[in-house]
Amino acid sequence: MDYIIKKWIGTNQTISYNWTYANFSTQLERYATLMMRIALAIVFIWFGALKLVGMSPAQELIEKTIYFFPSKIFIPFLGIWEVAIGLGLLIKRVIPYTVILLLLHMIGTFLPMFIVPNICFDAFPFCPSMEGQYILKNLVLVAGALSVAGKYGAEK
């Protein structure tokens, strides 16, 4: 697909779609990981802060999953952990350690799928409930974290 676009600055040069896309993708490559880091940081700080102030929409799900630990202690602890992950993603030199904390946290976020599957699925296993969808979206967070980890490894 090679459309020709005339430049509007008075010259008669033409630019192909492929050339334009190649230049655009070069800019994307330069800033995509930074944008991913910032987006992940915002999500973790925001969701963690909601837990710290007692406004998390996931609070009931957490209480039903981690029923063996007092929620008044565990949920604020989880909020602090999430805020720490978010802040760690903003500091380049601690990203390798932060990604480990993030991946450990993500393991915990999938626990409800096994501990309370009746809450996570309307019809197991193909029809996740709203809570199940909330959990499954964490696969995107894991992929983003792994992308960030690939760029900001321990030796870099």
C-alpha atoms as a PDB file:
ATOM      1  CA  MET A   1       0.000   0.000   0.000  1.00  0.00           C
ATOM      2  CA  ASP A   2       2.011   2.919  -1.246  1.00  0.00           C
ATOM      3  CA  TYR A   3      -0.052   6.097  -1.329  1.00  0.00           C
ATOM      4  CA  ILE A   4       1.644   9.276  -2.427  1.00  0.00           C
ATOM      5  CA  ILE A   5       1.154  12.376  -0.336  1.00  0.00           C
ATOM      6  CA  LYS A   6       2.164  15.752  -1.776  1.00  0.00           C
ATOM      7  CA  LYS A   7       3.982  18.061   0.592  1.00  0.00           C
ATOM      8  CA  TRP A   8       2.094  21.257   1.266  1.00  0.00           C
ATOM      9  CA  ILE A   9       5.160  23.483   1.657  1.00  0.00           C
ATOM     10  CA  GLY A  10       5.389  24.419  -1.985  1.00  0.00           C
ATOM     11  CA  THR A  11       7.793  21.799  -3.269  1.00  0.00           C
ATOM     12  CA  ASN A  12       6.761  19.057  -5.589  1.00  0.00           C
ATOM     13  CA  GLN A  13       8.328  16.284  -3.481  1.00  0.00           C
ATOM     14  CA  THR A  14       6.270  13.257  -2.692  1.00  0.00           C
ATOM     15  CA  ILE A  15       6.330  11.085   0.392  1.00  0.00           C
ATOM     16  CA  SER A  16       5.156   7.507   0.391  1.00  0.00           C
ATOM     17  CA  TYR A  17       2.941   6.069   3.081  1.00  0.00           C
ATOM     18  CA  ASN A  18       5.604   3.471   3.888  1.00  0.00           C
ATOM     19  CA  TRP A  19       8.269   6.137   4.396  1.00  0.00           C
ATOM     20  CA  THR A  20       5.930   8.124   6.661  1.00  0.00           C
ATOM     21  CA  TYR A  21       5.014   5.071   8.697  1.00  0.00           C
ATOM     22  CA  ALA A  22       8.663   4.030   9.016  1.00  0.00           C
ATOM     23  CA  ASN A  23       9.564   7.446  10.436  1.00  0.00           C
ATOM     24  CA  PHE A  24       6.558   7.392  12.757  1.00  0.00           C
ATOM     25  CA  SER A  25       7.405   3.899  14.018  1.00  0.00           C
ATOM     26  CA  THR A  26      10.990   5.009  14.679  1.00  0.00           C
ATOM     27  CA  GLN A  27       9.633   7.722  16.979  1.00  0.00           C
ATOM     28  CA  LEU A  28       7.291   5.182  18.596  1.00  0.00           C
ATOM     29  CA  GLU A  29      10.193   2.842  19.226  1.00  0.00           C
ATOM     30  CA  ARG A  30      12.090   5.649  20.919  1.00  0.00           C
ATOM     31  CA  TYR A  31       9.300   6.593  23.342  1.00  0.00           C
ATOM     32  CA  ALA A  32       7.069   3.499  23.678  1.00  0.00           C
ATOM     33  CA  THR A  33       8.884   1.981  26.651  1.00  0.00           C
ATOM     34  CA  LEU A  34       8.938   5.303  28.468  1.00  0.00           C
ATOM     35  CA  MET A  35       5.209   5.676  27.849  1.00  0.00           C
ATOM     36  CA  MET A  36       4.650   2.109  29.083  1.00  0.00           C
ATOM     37  CA  ARG A  37       6.654   2.811  32.255  1.00  0.00           C
ATOM     38  CA  ILE A  38       4.641   5.935  32.991  1.00  0.00           C
ATOM     39  CA  ALA A  39       1.306   4.248  32.219  1.00  0.00           C
ATOM     40  CA  LEU A  40       2.131   1.297  34.481  1.00  0.00           C
ATOM     41  CA  ALA A  41       3.304   3.660  37.212  1.00  0.00           C
ATOM     42  CA  ILE A  42       0.051   5.646  37.046  1.00  0.00           C
ATOM     43  CA  VAL A  43      -2.063   2.480  37.241  1.00  0.00           C
ATOM     44  CA  PHE A  44      -0.149   1.061  40.204  1.00  0.00           C
ATOM     45  CA  ILE A  45      -0.004   4.331  42.142  1.00  0.00           C
ATOM     46  CA  TRP A  46      -3.697   5.006  41.494  1.00  0.00           C
ATOM     47  CA  PHE A  47      -4.940   1.518  42.388  1.00  0.00           C
ATOM     48  CA  GLY A  48      -2.639   1.391  45.404  1.00  0.00           C
ATOM     49  CA  ALA A  49      -3.837   4.776  46.639  1.00  0.00           C
ATOM     50  CA  LEU A  50      -7.439   3.595  46.350  1.00  0.00           C
ATOM     51  CA  LYS A  51      -6.600   0.690  48.650  1.00  0.00           C
ATOM     52  CA  LEU A  52      -4.884   3.006  51.123  1.00  0.00           C
ATOM     53  CA  VAL A  53      -7.928   5.269  51.428  1.00  0.00           C
ATOM     54  CA  GLY A  54     -10.410   2.375  51.527  1.00  0.00           C
ATOM     55  CA  MET A  55     -12.016   3.058  48.146  1.00  0.00           C
ATOM     56  CA  SER A  56     -10.787   0.118  46.068  1.00  0.00           C
ATOM     57  CA  PRO A  57     -13.460  -1.570  43.948  1.00  0.00           C
ATOM     58  CA  ALA A  58     -11.439  -4.783  44.398  1.00  0.00           C
ATOM     59  CA  GLN A  59     -11.668  -4.731  48.199  1.00  0.00           C
ATOM     60  CA  GLU A  60     -14.488  -7.289  48.475  1.00  0.00           C
ATOM     61  CA  LEU A  61     -12.749  -9.636  46.045  1.00  0.00           C
ATOM     62  CA  ILE A  62      -9.505  -9.343  48.017  1.00  0.00           C
ATOM     63  CA  GLU A  63     -11.334 -10.034  51.292  1.00  0.00           C
ATOM     64  CA  LYS A  64     -12.976 -13.160  49.850  1.00  0.00           C
ATOM     65  CA  THR A  65      -9.692 -14.402  48.368  1.00  0.00           C
ATOM     66  CA  ILE A  66      -7.374 -13.686  51.297  1.00  0.00           C
ATOM     67  CA  TYR A  67     -10.003 -14.596  53.922  1.00  0.00           C
ATOM     68  CA  PHE A  68      -7.344 -16.017  56.266  1.00  0.00           C
ATOM     69  CA  PHE A  69      -5.637 -12.635  56.867  1.00  0.00           C
ATOM     70  CA  PRO A  70      -7.241  -9.544  58.458  1.00  0.00           C
ATOM     71  CA  SER A  71      -8.263  -7.223  55.620  1.00  0.00           C
ATOM     72  CA  LYS A  72      -7.667  -4.109  57.739  1.00  0.00           C
ATOM     73  CA  ILE A  73      -3.962  -5.024  57.629  1.00  0.00           C
ATOM     74  CA  PHE A  74      -3.658  -6.790  54.292  1.00  0.00           C
ATOM     75  CA  ILE A  75      -5.415  -4.274  52.027  1.00  0.00           C
ATOM     76  CA  PRO A  76      -3.346  -1.247  53.188  1.00  0.00           C
ATOM     77  CA  PHE A  77      -0.204  -3.424  52.902  1.00  0.00           C
ATOM     78  CA  LEU A  78      -1.231  -4.278  49.336  1.00  0.00           C
ATOM     79  CA  GLY A  79      -1.858  -0.583  48.649  1.00  0.00           C
ATOM     80  CA  ILE A  80       1.624   0.343  49.894  1.00  0.00           C
ATOM     81  CA  TRP A  81       3.102  -2.452  47.751  1.00  0.00           C
ATOM     82  CA  GLU A  82       1.284  -1.158  44.645  1.00  0.00           C
ATOM     83  CA  VAL A  83       2.313   2.456  45.252  1.00  0.00           C
ATOM     84  CA  ALA A  84       5.906   1.273  45.763  1.00  0.00           C
ATOM     85  CA  ILE A  85       5.755  -0.574  42.432  1.00  0.00           C
ATOM     86  CA  GLY A  86       4.434   2.544  40.722  1.00  0.00           C
ATOM     87  CA  LEU A  87       7.129   4.765  42.193  1.00  0.00           C
ATOM     88  CA  GLY A  88       9.808   2.162  41.441  1.00  0.00           C
ATOM     89  CA  LEU A  89       8.828   2.177  37.780  1.00  0.00           C
ATOM     90  CA  LEU A  90       9.620   5.885  37.675  1.00  0.00           C
ATOM     91  CA  ILE A  91      13.190   5.393  38.967  1.00  0.00           C
ATOM     92  CA  LYS A  92      15.317   3.740  36.288  1.00  0.00           C
ATOM     93  CA  ARG A  93      17.955   2.235  38.549  1.00  0.00           C
ATOM     94  CA  VAL A  94      15.414   0.269  40.628  1.00  0.00           C
ATOM     95  CA  ILE A  95      13.304  -1.014  37.714  1.00  0.00           C
ATOM     96  CA  PRO A  96      14.803  -4.554  37.747  1.00  0.00           C
ATOM     97  CA  TYR A  97      13.825  -4.953  41.420  1.00  0.00           C
ATOM     98  CA  THR A  98      10.486  -3.266  40.881  1.00  0.00           C
ATOM     99  CA  VAL A  99       9.592  -5.649  38.069  1.00  0.00           C
ATOM    100  CA  ILE A 100      10.222  -8.583  40.420  1.00  0.00           C
ATOM    101  CA  LEU A 101       7.845  -7.024  42.974  1.00  0.00           C
ATOM    102  CA  LEU A 102       5.329  -6.426  40.198  1.00  0.00           C
ATOM    103  CA  LEU A 103       5.478 -10.021  38.938  1.00  0.00           C
ATOM    104  CA  LEU A 104       5.100 -11.400  42.477  1.00  0.00           C
ATOM    105  CA  HIS A 105       2.113  -9.118  42.943  1.00  0.00           C
ATOM    106  CA  MET A 106       0.616 -10.307  39.661  1.00  0.00           C
ATOM    107  CA  ILE A 107       0.815 -13.931  40.826  1.00  0.00           C
ATOM    108  CA  GLY A 108      -1.327 -12.884  43.771  1.00  0.00           C
ATOM    109  CA  THR A 109      -3.837 -11.101  41.569  1.00  0.00           C
ATOM    110  CA  PHE A 110      -4.613 -14.358  39.765  1.00  0.00           C
ATOM    111  CA  LEU A 111      -5.395 -16.231  43.010  1.00  0.00           C
ATOM    112  CA  PRO A 112      -9.133 -15.412  42.910  1.00  0.00           C
ATOM    113  CA  MET A 113      -9.437 -17.367  39.650  1.00  0.00           C
ATOM    114  CA  PHE A 114      -8.567 -20.492  41.659  1.00  0.00           C
ATOM    115  CA  ILE A 115      -9.807 -19.658  45.165  1.00  0.00           C
ATOM    116  CA  VAL A 116     -13.183 -18.104  44.252  1.00  0.00           C
ATOM    117  CA  PRO A 117     -13.862 -19.111  40.634  1.00  0.00           C
ATOM    118  CA  ASN A 118     -17.617 -18.664  41.181  1.00  0.00           C
ATOM    119  CA  ILE A 119     -16.967 -14.921  41.527  1.00  0.00           C
ATOM    120  CA  CYS A 120     -14.546 -14.728  38.581  1.00  0.00           C
ATOM    121  CA  PHE A 121     -16.629 -16.620  36.023  1.00  0.00           C
ATOM    122  CA  ASP A 122     -20.268 -16.482  34.998  1.00  0.00           C
ATOM    123  CA  ALA A 123     -19.681 -19.723  33.088  1.00  0.00           C
ATOM    124  CA  PHE A 124     -16.348 -21.418  33.697  1.00  0.00           C
ATOM    125  CA  PRO A 125     -13.918 -21.101  31.891  1.00  0.00           C
ATOM    126  CA  PHE A 126     -15.038 -19.080  28.874  1.00  0.00           C
ATOM    127  CA  CYS A 127     -17.246 -16.361  30.317  1.00  0.00           C
ATOM    128  CA  PRO A 128     -15.414 -14.272  32.909  1.00  0.00           C
ATOM    129  CA  SER A 129     -17.484 -12.048  35.163  1.00  0.00           C
ATOM    130  CA  MET A 130     -16.606  -8.380  35.574  1.00  0.00           C
ATOM    131  CA  GLU A 131     -14.239  -9.395  38.365  1.00  0.00           C
ATOM    132  CA  GLY A 132     -12.700 -12.057  36.135  1.00  0.00           C
ATOM    133  CA  GLN A 133     -12.162  -9.499  33.382  1.00  0.00           C
ATOM    134  CA  TYR A 134     -10.570  -7.175  35.931  1.00  0.00           C
ATOM    135  CA  ILE A 135      -8.128  -9.982  36.761  1.00  0.00           C
ATOM    136  CA  LEU A 136      -7.477 -11.053  33.162  1.00  0.00           C
ATOM    137  CA  LYS A 137      -6.478  -7.511  32.172  1.00  0.00           C
ATOM    138  CA  ASN A 138      -3.468  -8.058  34.407  1.00  0.00           C
ATOM    139  CA  LEU A 139      -1.973 -10.110  31.575  1.00  0.00           C
ATOM    140  CA  VAL A 140      -1.499  -6.772  29.791  1.00  0.00           C
ATOM    141  CA  LEU A 141       0.243  -5.345  32.864  1.00  0.00           C
ATOM    142  CA  VAL A 142       2.563  -8.367  32.946  1.00  0.00           C
ATOM    143  CA  ALA A 143       3.387  -7.973  29.244  1.00  0.00           C
ATOM    144  CA  GLY A 144       4.056  -4.267  29.740  1.00  0.00           C
ATOM    145  CA  ALA A 145       6.265  -4.955  32.750  1.00  0.00           C
ATOM    146  CA  LEU A 146       8.255  -7.530  30.807  1.00  0.00           C
ATOM    147  CA  SER A 147       8.717  -5.014  27.983  1.00  0.00           C
ATOM    148  CA  VAL A 148      10.009  -2.447  30.448  1.00  0.00           C
ATOM    149  CA  ALA A 149      12.245  -5.049  32.100  1.00  0.00           C
ATOM    150  CA  GLY A 150      13.739  -5.894  28.714  1.00  0.00           C
ATOM    151  CA  LYS A 151      14.816  -2.308  28.192  1.00  0.00           C
ATOM    152  CA  TYR A 152      15.922  -1.523  31.732  1.00  0.00           C
ATOM    153  CA  GLY A 153      17.700  -4.716  32.733  1.00  0.00           C
ATOM    154  CA  ALA A 154      20.054  -4.936  35.702  1.00  0.00           C
ATOM    155  CA  GLU A 155      23.161  -4.508  33.571  1.00  0.00           C
ATOM    156  CA  LYS A 156      21.918  -1.430  31.696  1.00  0.00           C
END
